Structure formats: C-alpha cells, structure tokens
Amino acid sequence: MSHGPMSYINMHTWKARLGNIFPGFYWFLIHFSLAVIRRLLLSTLDDPNRKLCTAISMAVVAIAIYDWPESWPDLLPFLLKLIGDQTSMNGGVEKERGCNSTR
C-alpha cells in the first residue's frame, strides 16, 4: 500500500468515501449529473445571444467527443431537428445569409 500524498488525498476525498459506502450510488450520481448537464446544454442551444450559443456549442462538442453516440444517442436527432427548425423559421439558409437565389 502506497503512503504518498496522492494516496492520502484519494482516501480522504468525498468521492472515495462515498464510493466505499455506496458503490453504485457514485456511479449513478455521475451519470445522472451528466444527463442533466447534456439536457440543459441542448435546451439553451437556440438562445438568441450568438456569443452564448457559441460557448454552449463548444461545451456540447467537448462532451460529444467522449459521449456520442453511446452515451448520448439523442444528440444527432436533436441537432438535425434544431437545424431544420431554424432554417424554416428564418426562411431558409439563403435568406439568412442574405444570398440571392438567382446567382
């Protein structure tokens, strides 16, 4: 058994104590928290503030790198629906970009 500083820190963290007392509870807590965070991020992704949307998008990408598709299977359908809703709400991509359809 190691007696170094990391061993002491690992033994005395709430995570280690909780994991020893309730082994399944810590796993549940982490996965439940991640599900709540994912849901909150997606619910605010269509905010009208473009800087906020950019920051949220970066957070979504950072999580999706590790969680999609296994742990976040509804991400792609949600994003496709959001894109479709935004396109129809704004009159199409061409109108949003200010493109002329005759070009």
PDB file of N, CA and C in Angstrom:
ATOM      1  N   MET A   1       0.835  -1.190   0.000  1.00  0.00           N
ATOM      2  CA  MET A   1       0.000   0.000   0.000  1.00  0.00           C
ATOM      3  C   MET A   1       0.875   1.247   0.000  1.00  0.00           C
ATOM      4  N   SER A   2       0.589   2.159  -0.885  1.00  0.00           N
ATOM      5  CA  SER A   2       1.360   3.386  -1.004  1.00  0.00           C
ATOM      6  C   SER A   2       0.925   4.387   0.065  1.00  0.00           C
ATOM      7  N   HIS A   3       1.907   5.096   0.600  1.00  0.00           N
ATOM      8  CA  HIS A   3       1.613   6.097   1.614  1.00  0.00           C
ATOM      9  C   HIS A   3       1.966   7.506   1.141  1.00  0.00           C
ATOM     10  N   GLY A   4       2.016   7.705  -0.154  1.00  0.00           N
ATOM     11  CA  GLY A   4       2.362   9.007  -0.700  1.00  0.00           C
ATOM     12  C   GLY A   4       1.218   9.994  -0.567  1.00  0.00           C
ATOM     13  N   PRO A   5       1.454  11.248  -0.949  1.00  0.00           N
ATOM     14  CA  PRO A   5       0.422  12.285  -0.806  1.00  0.00           C
ATOM     15  C   PRO A   5      -0.823  12.000  -1.639  1.00  0.00           C
ATOM     16  N   MET A   6      -0.664  11.416  -2.814  1.00  0.00           N
ATOM     17  CA  MET A   6      -1.841  11.135  -3.643  1.00  0.00           C
ATOM     18  C   MET A   6      -2.707  10.063  -3.005  1.00  0.00           C
ATOM     19  N   SER A   7      -2.072   9.089  -2.358  1.00  0.00           N
ATOM     20  CA  SER A   7      -2.833   8.046  -1.677  1.00  0.00           C
ATOM     21  C   SER A   7      -3.677   8.664  -0.564  1.00  0.00           C
ATOM     22  N   TYR A   8      -3.094   9.580   0.170  1.00  0.00           N
ATOM     23  CA  TYR A   8      -3.820  10.254   1.248  1.00  0.00           C
ATOM     24  C   TYR A   8      -4.994  11.059   0.688  1.00  0.00           C
ATOM     25  N   ILE A   9      -4.744  11.783  -0.385  1.00  0.00           N
ATOM     26  CA  ILE A   9      -5.802  12.606  -0.996  1.00  0.00           C
ATOM     27  C   ILE A   9      -6.918  11.715  -1.518  1.00  0.00           C
ATOM     28  N   ASN A  10      -6.562  10.635  -2.205  1.00  0.00           N
ATOM     29  CA  ASN A  10      -7.586   9.739  -2.741  1.00  0.00           C
ATOM     30  C   ASN A  10      -8.409   9.096  -1.638  1.00  0.00           C
ATOM     31  N   MET A  11      -7.777   8.744  -0.526  1.00  0.00           N
ATOM     32  CA  MET A  11      -8.503   8.102   0.565  1.00  0.00           C
ATOM     33  C   MET A  11      -9.434   9.063   1.288  1.00  0.00           C
ATOM     34  N   HIS A  12      -9.151  10.349   1.233  1.00  0.00           N
ATOM     35  CA  HIS A  12      -9.901  11.306   2.037  1.00  0.00           C
ATOM     36  C   HIS A  12     -10.799  12.230   1.220  1.00  0.00           C
ATOM     37  N   THR A  13     -11.052  11.889   0.005  1.00  0.00           N
ATOM     38  CA  THR A  13     -11.983  12.690  -0.782  1.00  0.00           C
ATOM     39  C   THR A  13     -13.385  12.156  -0.577  1.00  0.00           C
ATOM     40  N   TRP A  14     -14.364  13.012  -0.794  1.00  0.00           N
ATOM     41  CA  TRP A  14     -15.756  12.568  -0.629  1.00  0.00           C
ATOM     42  C   TRP A  14     -16.084  11.470  -1.628  1.00  0.00           C
ATOM     43  N   LYS A  15     -15.452  11.542  -2.794  1.00  0.00           N
ATOM     44  CA  LYS A  15     -15.700  10.528  -3.820  1.00  0.00           C
ATOM     45  C   LYS A  15     -15.286   9.150  -3.314  1.00  0.00           C
ATOM     46  N   ALA A  16     -14.121   9.067  -2.742  1.00  0.00           N
ATOM     47  CA  ALA A  16     -13.634   7.780  -2.250  1.00  0.00           C
ATOM     48  C   ALA A  16     -14.503   7.283  -1.097  1.00  0.00           C
ATOM     49  N   ARG A  17     -14.844   8.178  -0.177  1.00  0.00           N
ATOM     50  CA  ARG A  17     -15.674   7.760   0.959  1.00  0.00           C
ATOM     51  C   ARG A  17     -17.047   7.330   0.494  1.00  0.00           C
ATOM     52  N   LEU A  18     -17.661   8.110  -0.403  1.00  0.00           N
ATOM     53  CA  LEU A  18     -18.990   7.778  -0.906  1.00  0.00           C
ATOM     54  C   LEU A  18     -18.951   6.490  -1.708  1.00  0.00           C
ATOM     55  N   GLY A  19     -17.911   6.310  -2.508  1.00  0.00           N
ATOM     56  CA  GLY A  19     -17.774   5.095  -3.296  1.00  0.00           C
ATOM     57  C   GLY A  19     -17.606   3.858  -2.427  1.00  0.00           C
ATOM     58  N   ASN A  20     -16.953   4.009  -1.278  1.00  0.00           N
ATOM     59  CA  ASN A  20     -16.792   2.871  -0.372  1.00  0.00           C
ATOM     60  C   ASN A  20     -18.091   2.552   0.364  1.00  0.00           C
ATOM     61  N   ILE A  21     -18.858   3.560   0.708  1.00  0.00           N
ATOM     62  CA  ILE A  21     -20.102   3.354   1.455  1.00  0.00           C
ATOM     63  C   ILE A  21     -21.215   2.889   0.523  1.00  0.00           C
ATOM     64  N   PHE A  22     -21.380   3.577  -0.595  1.00  0.00           N
ATOM     65  CA  PHE A  22     -22.436   3.274  -1.568  1.00  0.00           C
ATOM     66  C   PHE A  22     -21.802   3.091  -2.949  1.00  0.00           C
ATOM     67  N   PRO A  23     -21.274   1.926  -3.248  1.00  0.00           N
ATOM     68  CA  PRO A  23     -20.539   1.759  -4.514  1.00  0.00           C
ATOM     69  C   PRO A  23     -21.344   2.125  -5.763  1.00  0.00           C
ATOM     70  N   GLY A  24     -22.612   1.775  -5.823  1.00  0.00           N
ATOM     71  CA  GLY A  24     -23.404   2.079  -7.004  1.00  0.00           C
ATOM     72  C   GLY A  24     -23.905   3.501  -7.032  1.00  0.00           C
ATOM     73  N   PHE A  25     -23.971   4.137  -5.875  1.00  0.00           N
ATOM     74  CA  PHE A  25     -24.524   5.492  -5.816  1.00  0.00           C
ATOM     75  C   PHE A  25     -23.635   6.505  -6.520  1.00  0.00           C
ATOM     76  N   TYR A  26     -22.337   6.396  -6.364  1.00  0.00           N
ATOM     77  CA  TYR A  26     -21.423   7.335  -7.003  1.00  0.00           C
ATOM     78  C   TYR A  26     -21.551   7.245  -8.518  1.00  0.00           C
ATOM     79  N   TRP A  27     -21.604   6.012  -9.047  1.00  0.00           N
ATOM     80  CA  TRP A  27     -21.782   5.818 -10.485  1.00  0.00           C
ATOM     81  C   TRP A  27     -23.087   6.454 -10.942  1.00  0.00           C
ATOM     82  N   PHE A  28     -24.170   6.211 -10.195  1.00  0.00           N
ATOM     83  CA  PHE A  28     -25.474   6.786 -10.525  1.00  0.00           C
ATOM     84  C   PHE A  28     -25.419   8.309 -10.499  1.00  0.00           C
ATOM     85  N   LEU A  29     -24.794   8.876  -9.476  1.00  0.00           N
ATOM     86  CA  LEU A  29     -24.705  10.330  -9.331  1.00  0.00           C
ATOM     87  C   LEU A  29     -23.991  10.959 -10.524  1.00  0.00           C
ATOM     88  N   ILE A  30     -22.891  10.373 -10.939  1.00  0.00           N
ATOM     89  CA  ILE A  30     -22.133  10.910 -12.069  1.00  0.00           C
ATOM     90  C   ILE A  30     -22.963  10.843 -13.349  1.00  0.00           C
ATOM     91  N   HIS A  31     -23.564   9.701 -13.632  1.00  0.00           N
ATOM     92  CA  HIS A  31     -24.324   9.552 -14.876  1.00  0.00           C
ATOM     93  C   HIS A  31     -25.599  10.388 -14.872  1.00  0.00           C
ATOM     94  N   PHE A  32     -26.235  10.528 -13.734  1.00  0.00           N
ATOM     95  CA  PHE A  32     -27.418  11.379 -13.633  1.00  0.00           C
ATOM     96  C   PHE A  32     -27.031  12.834 -13.856  1.00  0.00           C
ATOM     97  N   SER A  33     -25.933  13.259 -13.259  1.00  0.00           N
ATOM     98  CA  SER A  33     -25.472  14.637 -13.424  1.00  0.00           C
ATOM     99  C   SER A  33     -25.130  14.936 -14.875  1.00  0.00           C
ATOM    100  N   LEU A  34     -24.459  14.008 -15.537  1.00  0.00           N
ATOM    101  CA  LEU A  34     -24.119  14.212 -16.945  1.00  0.00           C
ATOM    102  C   LEU A  34     -25.370  14.312 -17.807  1.00  0.00           C
ATOM    103  N   ALA A  35     -26.374  13.512 -17.514  1.00  0.00           N
ATOM    104  CA  ALA A  35     -27.619  13.575 -18.286  1.00  0.00           C
ATOM    105  C   ALA A  35     -28.299  14.931 -18.096  1.00  0.00           C
ATOM    106  N   VAL A  36     -28.281  15.455 -16.880  1.00  0.00           N
ATOM    107  CA  VAL A  36     -28.878  16.774 -16.611  1.00  0.00           C
ATOM    108  C   VAL A  36     -28.096  17.861 -17.337  1.00  0.00           C
ATOM    109  N   ILE A  37     -26.771  17.780 -17.300  1.00  0.00           N
ATOM    110  CA  ILE A  37     -25.936  18.781 -17.969  1.00  0.00           C
ATOM    111  C   ILE A  37     -26.174  18.752 -19.475  1.00  0.00           C
ATOM    112  N   ARG A  38     -26.215  17.552 -20.057  1.00  0.00           N
ATOM    113  CA  ARG A  38     -26.474  17.448 -21.500  1.00  0.00           C
ATOM    114  C   ARG A  38     -27.814  18.063 -21.860  1.00  0.00           C
ATOM    115  N   ARG A  39     -28.854  17.735 -21.078  1.00  0.00           N
ATOM    116  CA  ARG A  39     -30.194  18.253 -21.361  1.00  0.00           C
ATOM    117  C   ARG A  39     -30.240  19.778 -21.243  1.00  0.00           C
ATOM    118  N   LEU A  40     -29.592  20.339 -20.217  1.00  0.00           N
ATOM    119  CA  LEU A  40     -29.573  21.797 -20.045  1.00  0.00           C
ATOM    120  C   LEU A  40     -28.821  22.485 -21.179  1.00  0.00           C
ATOM    121  N   LEU A  41     -27.713  21.911 -21.594  1.00  0.00           N
ATOM    122  CA  LEU A  41     -26.958  22.499 -22.707  1.00  0.00           C
ATOM    123  C   LEU A  41     -27.798  22.537 -23.977  1.00  0.00           C
ATOM    124  N   LEU A  42     -28.444  21.420 -24.288  1.00  0.00           N
ATOM    125  CA  LEU A  42     -29.250  21.376 -25.515  1.00  0.00           C
ATOM    126  C   LEU A  42     -30.452  22.303 -25.432  1.00  0.00           C
ATOM    127  N   SER A  43     -31.028  22.454 -24.252  1.00  0.00           N
ATOM    128  CA  SER A  43     -32.207  23.317 -24.130  1.00  0.00           C
ATOM    129  C   SER A  43     -31.868  24.792 -24.308  1.00  0.00           C
ATOM    130  N   THR A  44     -30.606  25.163 -24.130  1.00  0.00           N
ATOM    131  CA  THR A  44     -30.215  26.570 -24.280  1.00  0.00           C
ATOM    132  C   THR A  44     -29.443  26.827 -25.572  1.00  0.00           C
ATOM    133  N   LEU A  45     -29.346  25.825 -26.421  1.00  0.00           N
ATOM    134  CA  LEU A  45     -28.556  25.955 -27.640  1.00  0.00           C
ATOM    135  C   LEU A  45     -29.152  26.915 -28.657  1.00  0.00           C
ATOM    136  N   ASP A  46     -30.445  27.171 -28.583  1.00  0.00           N
ATOM    137  CA  ASP A  46     -31.070  28.088 -29.543  1.00  0.00           C
ATOM    138  C   ASP A  46     -31.280  29.486 -28.973  1.00  0.00           C
ATOM    139  N   ASP A  47     -30.486  29.864 -27.995  1.00  0.00           N
ATOM    140  CA  ASP A  47     -30.574  31.198 -27.391  1.00  0.00           C
ATOM    141  C   ASP A  47     -30.260  32.258 -28.439  1.00  0.00           C
ATOM    142  N   PRO A  48     -30.965  33.398 -28.424  1.00  0.00           N
ATOM    143  CA  PRO A  48     -30.708  34.439 -29.430  1.00  0.00           C
ATOM    144  C   PRO A  48     -29.339  35.122 -29.304  1.00  0.00           C
ATOM    145  N   ASN A  49     -28.700  35.019 -28.152  1.00  0.00           N
ATOM    146  CA  ASN A  49     -27.380  35.612 -27.959  1.00  0.00           C
ATOM    147  C   ASN A  49     -26.341  34.736 -28.643  1.00  0.00           C
ATOM    148  N   ARG A  50     -25.740  35.236 -29.722  1.00  0.00           N
ATOM    149  CA  ARG A  50     -24.816  34.436 -30.533  1.00  0.00           C
ATOM    150  C   ARG A  50     -23.559  34.024 -29.768  1.00  0.00           C
ATOM    151  N   LYS A  51     -23.055  34.888 -28.886  1.00  0.00           N
ATOM    152  CA  LYS A  51     -21.863  34.537 -28.115  1.00  0.00           C
ATOM    153  C   LYS A  51     -22.166  33.405 -27.137  1.00  0.00           C
ATOM    154  N   LEU A  52     -23.338  33.452 -26.537  1.00  0.00           N
ATOM    155  CA  LEU A  52     -23.746  32.391 -25.626  1.00  0.00           C
ATOM    156  C   LEU A  52     -23.916  31.076 -26.389  1.00  0.00           C
ATOM    157  N   CYS A  53     -24.523  31.136 -27.564  1.00  0.00           N
ATOM    158  CA  CYS A  53     -24.689  29.936 -28.383  1.00  0.00           C
ATOM    159  C   CYS A  53     -23.341  29.347 -28.782  1.00  0.00           C
ATOM    160  N   THR A  54     -22.388  30.185 -29.068  1.00  0.00           N
ATOM    161  CA  THR A  54     -21.056  29.701 -29.418  1.00  0.00           C
ATOM    162  C   THR A  54     -20.426  28.982 -28.236  1.00  0.00           C
ATOM    163  N   ALA A  55     -20.532  29.553 -27.049  1.00  0.00           N
ATOM    164  CA  ALA A  55     -19.963  28.928 -25.853  1.00  0.00           C
ATOM    165  C   ALA A  55     -20.659  27.603 -25.545  1.00  0.00           C
ATOM    166  N   ILE A  56     -21.978  27.580 -25.663  1.00  0.00           N
ATOM    167  CA  ILE A  56     -22.728  26.348 -25.420  1.00  0.00           C
ATOM    168  C   ILE A  56     -22.353  25.297 -26.454  1.00  0.00           C
ATOM    169  N   SER A  57     -22.220  25.703 -27.701  1.00  0.00           N
ATOM    170  CA  SER A  57     -21.835  24.772 -28.764  1.00  0.00           C
ATOM    171  C   SER A  57     -20.474  24.153 -28.481  1.00  0.00           C
ATOM    172  N   MET A  58     -19.556  24.947 -27.984  1.00  0.00           N
ATOM    173  CA  MET A  58     -18.225  24.430 -27.661  1.00  0.00           C
ATOM    174  C   MET A  58     -18.299  23.411 -26.526  1.00  0.00           C
ATOM    175  N   ALA A  59     -19.155  23.669 -25.545  1.00  0.00           N
ATOM    176  CA  ALA A  59     -19.342  22.718 -24.446  1.00  0.00           C
ATOM    177  C   ALA A  59     -19.974  21.426 -24.959  1.00  0.00           C
ATOM    178  N   VAL A  60     -20.959  21.549 -25.845  1.00  0.00           N
ATOM    179  CA  VAL A  60     -21.609  20.373 -26.422  1.00  0.00           C
ATOM    180  C   VAL A  60     -20.583  19.532 -27.180  1.00  0.00           C
ATOM    181  N   VAL A  61     -19.743  20.168 -27.970  1.00  0.00           N
ATOM    182  CA  VAL A  61     -18.722  19.449 -28.737  1.00  0.00           C
ATOM    183  C   VAL A  61     -17.730  18.758 -27.801  1.00  0.00           C
ATOM    184  N   ALA A  62     -17.319  19.463 -26.751  1.00  0.00           N
ATOM    185  CA  ALA A  62     -16.358  18.881 -25.807  1.00  0.00           C
ATOM    186  C   ALA A  62     -16.911  17.626 -25.147  1.00  0.00           C
ATOM    187  N   ILE A  63     -18.197  17.614 -24.851  1.00  0.00           N
ATOM    188  CA  ILE A  63     -18.815  16.437 -24.242  1.00  0.00           C
ATOM    189  C   ILE A  63     -19.077  15.365 -25.292  1.00  0.00           C
ATOM    190  N   ALA A  64     -19.535  15.787 -26.463  1.00  0.00           N
ATOM    191  CA  ALA A  64     -19.897  14.836 -27.518  1.00  0.00           C
ATOM    192  C   ALA A  64     -18.697  14.018 -27.999  1.00  0.00           C
ATOM    193  N   ILE A  65     -17.523  14.585 -27.944  1.00  0.00           N
ATOM    194  CA  ILE A  65     -16.316  13.850 -28.353  1.00  0.00           C
ATOM    195  C   ILE A  65     -16.208  12.537 -27.593  1.00  0.00           C
ATOM    196  N   TYR A  66     -16.584  12.552 -26.321  1.00  0.00           N
ATOM    197  CA  TYR A  66     -16.465  11.365 -25.486  1.00  0.00           C
ATOM    198  C   TYR A  66     -17.775  10.581 -25.361  1.00  0.00           C
ATOM    199  N   ASP A  67     -18.914  11.248 -25.436  1.00  0.00           N
ATOM    200  CA  ASP A  67     -20.183  10.607 -25.109  1.00  0.00           C
ATOM    201  C   ASP A  67     -21.018  10.165 -26.304  1.00  0.00           C
ATOM    202  N   TRP A  68     -20.779  10.752 -27.485  1.00  0.00           N
ATOM    203  CA  TRP A  68     -21.625  10.416 -28.624  1.00  0.00           C
ATOM    204  C   TRP A  68     -20.981   9.310 -29.422  1.00  0.00           C
ATOM    205  N   PRO A  69     -21.671   8.353 -29.867  1.00  0.00           N
ATOM    206  CA  PRO A  69     -23.107   8.100 -29.829  1.00  0.00           C
ATOM    207  C   PRO A  69     -23.556   7.208 -28.665  1.00  0.00           C
ATOM    208  N   GLU A  70     -22.620   6.520 -27.992  1.00  0.00           N
ATOM    209  CA  GLU A  70     -23.007   5.531 -26.987  1.00  0.00           C
ATOM    210  C   GLU A  70     -23.799   6.126 -25.837  1.00  0.00           C
ATOM    211  N   SER A  71     -23.294   7.166 -25.207  1.00  0.00           N
ATOM    212  CA  SER A  71     -23.940   7.727 -24.017  1.00  0.00           C
ATOM    213  C   SER A  71     -24.865   8.898 -24.322  1.00  0.00           C
ATOM    214  N   TRP A  72     -24.890   9.337 -25.581  1.00  0.00           N
ATOM    215  CA  TRP A  72     -25.716  10.491 -25.942  1.00  0.00           C
ATOM    216  C   TRP A  72     -26.354  10.243 -27.304  1.00  0.00           C
ATOM    217  N   PRO A  73     -27.173   9.202 -27.423  1.00  0.00           N
ATOM    218  CA  PRO A  73     -27.713   8.821 -28.730  1.00  0.00           C
ATOM    219  C   PRO A  73     -28.700   9.828 -29.314  1.00  0.00           C
ATOM    220  N   ASP A  74     -29.313  10.641 -28.481  1.00  0.00           N
ATOM    221  CA  ASP A  74     -30.300  11.597 -28.995  1.00  0.00           C
ATOM    222  C   ASP A  74     -29.677  12.924 -29.437  1.00  0.00           C
ATOM    223  N   LEU A  75     -28.354  13.045 -29.385  1.00  0.00           N
ATOM    224  CA  LEU A  75     -27.704  14.302 -29.774  1.00  0.00           C
ATOM    225  C   LEU A  75     -27.917  14.628 -31.252  1.00  0.00           C
ATOM    226  N   LEU A  76     -27.589  13.708 -32.134  1.00  0.00           N
ATOM    227  CA  LEU A  76     -27.695  13.985 -33.570  1.00  0.00           C
ATOM    228  C   LEU A  76     -29.131  14.268 -33.995  1.00  0.00           C
ATOM    229  N   PRO A  77     -30.132  13.462 -33.587  1.00  0.00           N
ATOM    230  CA  PRO A  77     -31.515  13.802 -33.949  1.00  0.00           C
ATOM    231  C   PRO A  77     -31.936  15.176 -33.429  1.00  0.00           C
ATOM    232  N   PHE A  78     -31.494  15.533 -32.226  1.00  0.00           N
ATOM    233  CA  PHE A  78     -31.831  16.846 -31.679  1.00  0.00           C
ATOM    234  C   PHE A  78     -31.228  17.960 -32.526  1.00  0.00           C
ATOM    235  N   LEU A  79     -29.950  17.816 -32.877  1.00  0.00           N
ATOM    236  CA  LEU A  79     -29.283  18.848 -33.669  1.00  0.00           C
ATOM    237  C   LEU A  79     -29.899  18.986 -35.061  1.00  0.00           C
ATOM    238  N   LEU A  80     -30.225  17.858 -35.679  1.00  0.00           N
ATOM    239  CA  LEU A  80     -30.856  17.914 -37.005  1.00  0.00           C
ATOM    240  C   LEU A  80     -32.217  18.599 -36.942  1.00  0.00           C
ATOM    241  N   LYS A  81     -32.974  18.314 -35.890  1.00  0.00           N
ATOM    242  CA  LYS A  81     -34.276  18.973 -35.722  1.00  0.00           C
ATOM    243  C   LYS A  81     -34.088  20.471 -35.481  1.00  0.00           C
ATOM    244  N   LEU A  82     -33.111  20.824 -34.653  1.00  0.00           N
ATOM    245  CA  LEU A  82     -32.841  22.234 -34.373  1.00  0.00           C
ATOM    246  C   LEU A  82     -32.448  22.977 -35.643  1.00  0.00           C
ATOM    247  N   ILE A  83     -31.604  22.376 -36.457  1.00  0.00           N
ATOM    248  CA  ILE A  83     -31.202  22.994 -37.719  1.00  0.00           C
ATOM    249  C   ILE A  83     -32.399  23.154 -38.638  1.00  0.00           C
ATOM    250  N   GLY A  84     -33.230  22.126 -38.722  1.00  0.00           N
ATOM    251  CA  GLY A  84     -34.435  22.200 -39.556  1.00  0.00           C
ATOM    252  C   GLY A  84     -35.405  23.264 -39.075  1.00  0.00           C
ATOM    253  N   ASP A  85     -35.585  23.363 -37.767  1.00  0.00           N
ATOM    254  CA  ASP A  85     -36.478  24.373 -37.209  1.00  0.00           C
ATOM    255  C   ASP A  85     -35.950  25.783 -37.468  1.00  0.00           C
ATOM    256  N   GLN A  86     -34.650  25.977 -37.301  1.00  0.00           N
ATOM    257  CA  GLN A  86     -34.049  27.294 -37.516  1.00  0.00           C
ATOM    258  C   GLN A  86     -34.130  27.690 -38.986  1.00  0.00           C
ATOM    259  N   THR A  87     -33.916  26.718 -39.872  1.00  0.00           N
ATOM    260  CA  THR A  87     -33.960  27.002 -41.305  1.00  0.00           C
ATOM    261  C   THR A  87     -35.358  27.404 -41.733  1.00  0.00           C
ATOM    262  N   SER A  88     -36.368  26.665 -41.292  1.00  0.00           N
ATOM    263  CA  SER A  88     -37.740  27.002 -41.682  1.00  0.00           C
ATOM    264  C   SER A  88     -38.213  28.281 -40.998  1.00  0.00           C
ATOM    265  N   MET A  89     -37.738  28.540 -39.779  1.00  0.00           N
ATOM    266  CA  MET A  89     -38.144  29.751 -39.072  1.00  0.00           C
ATOM    267  C   MET A  89     -37.535  30.996 -39.725  1.00  0.00           C
ATOM    268  N   ASN A  90     -36.325  30.869 -40.262  1.00  0.00           N
ATOM    269  CA  ASN A  90     -35.634  32.012 -40.852  1.00  0.00           C
ATOM    270  C   ASN A  90     -35.850  32.118 -42.354  1.00  0.00           C
ATOM    271  N   GLY A  91     -36.668  31.267 -42.914  1.00  0.00           N
ATOM    272  CA  GLY A  91     -36.938  31.353 -44.349  1.00  0.00           C
ATOM    273  C   GLY A  91     -35.873  30.714 -45.201  1.00  0.00           C
ATOM    274  N   GLY A  92     -35.101  29.814 -44.638  1.00  0.00           N
ATOM    275  CA  GLY A  92     -34.092  29.115 -45.431  1.00  0.00           C
ATOM    276  C   GLY A  92     -32.711  29.683 -45.214  1.00  0.00           C
ATOM    277  N   VAL A  93     -31.739  28.887 -45.528  1.00  0.00           N
ATOM    278  CA  VAL A  93     -30.339  29.278 -45.347  1.00  0.00           C
ATOM    279  C   VAL A  93     -29.981  30.461 -46.234  1.00  0.00           C
ATOM    280  N   GLU A  94     -30.486  30.468 -47.460  1.00  0.00           N
ATOM    281  CA  GLU A  94     -30.137  31.549 -48.374  1.00  0.00           C
ATOM    282  C   GLU A  94     -30.605  32.899 -47.846  1.00  0.00           C
ATOM    283  N   LYS A  95     -31.815  32.951 -47.303  1.00  0.00           N
ATOM    284  CA  LYS A  95     -32.321  34.218 -46.770  1.00  0.00           C
ATOM    285  C   LYS A  95     -31.492  34.663 -45.572  1.00  0.00           C
ATOM    286  N   GLU A  96     -31.136  33.689 -44.703  1.00  0.00           N
ATOM    287  CA  GLU A  96     -30.371  34.029 -43.512  1.00  0.00           C
ATOM    288  C   GLU A  96     -29.008  34.599 -43.871  1.00  0.00           C
ATOM    289  N   ARG A  97     -28.378  34.059 -44.900  1.00  0.00           N
ATOM    290  CA  ARG A  97     -27.058  34.535 -45.318  1.00  0.00           C
ATOM    291  C   ARG A  97     -27.148  35.768 -46.198  1.00  0.00           C
ATOM    292  N   GLY A  98     -28.351  36.100 -46.610  1.00  0.00           N
ATOM    293  CA  GLY A  98     -28.505  37.240 -47.485  1.00  0.00           C
ATOM    294  C   GLY A  98     -28.152  36.930 -48.911  1.00  0.00           C
ATOM    295  N   CYS A  99     -28.184  35.642 -49.278  1.00  0.00           N
ATOM    296  CA  CYS A  99     -27.830  35.243 -50.637  1.00  0.00           C
ATOM    297  C   CYS A  99     -28.994  35.498 -51.582  1.00  0.00           C
ATOM    298  N   ASN A 100     -28.663  35.778 -52.790  1.00  0.00           N
ATOM    299  CA  ASN A 100     -29.670  35.946 -53.817  1.00  0.00           C
ATOM    300  C   ASN A 100     -29.842  34.633 -54.547  1.00  0.00           C
ATOM    301  N   SER A 101     -31.076  34.152 -54.661  1.00  0.00           N
ATOM    302  CA  SER A 101     -31.322  32.837 -55.248  1.00  0.00           C
ATOM    303  C   SER A 101     -31.064  32.812 -56.753  1.00  0.00           C
ATOM    304  N   THR A 102     -30.879  33.960 -57.398  1.00  0.00           N
ATOM    305  CA  THR A 102     -30.653  33.983 -58.852  1.00  0.00           C
ATOM    306  C   THR A 102     -29.180  33.834 -59.189  1.00  0.00           C
ATOM    307  N   ARG A 103     -28.311  33.843 -58.221  1.00  0.00           N
ATOM    308  CA  ARG A 103     -26.878  33.734 -58.503  1.00  0.00           C
ATOM    309  C   ARG A 103     -26.508  32.367 -58.914  1.00  0.00           C
TER     310      ARG A 103
END
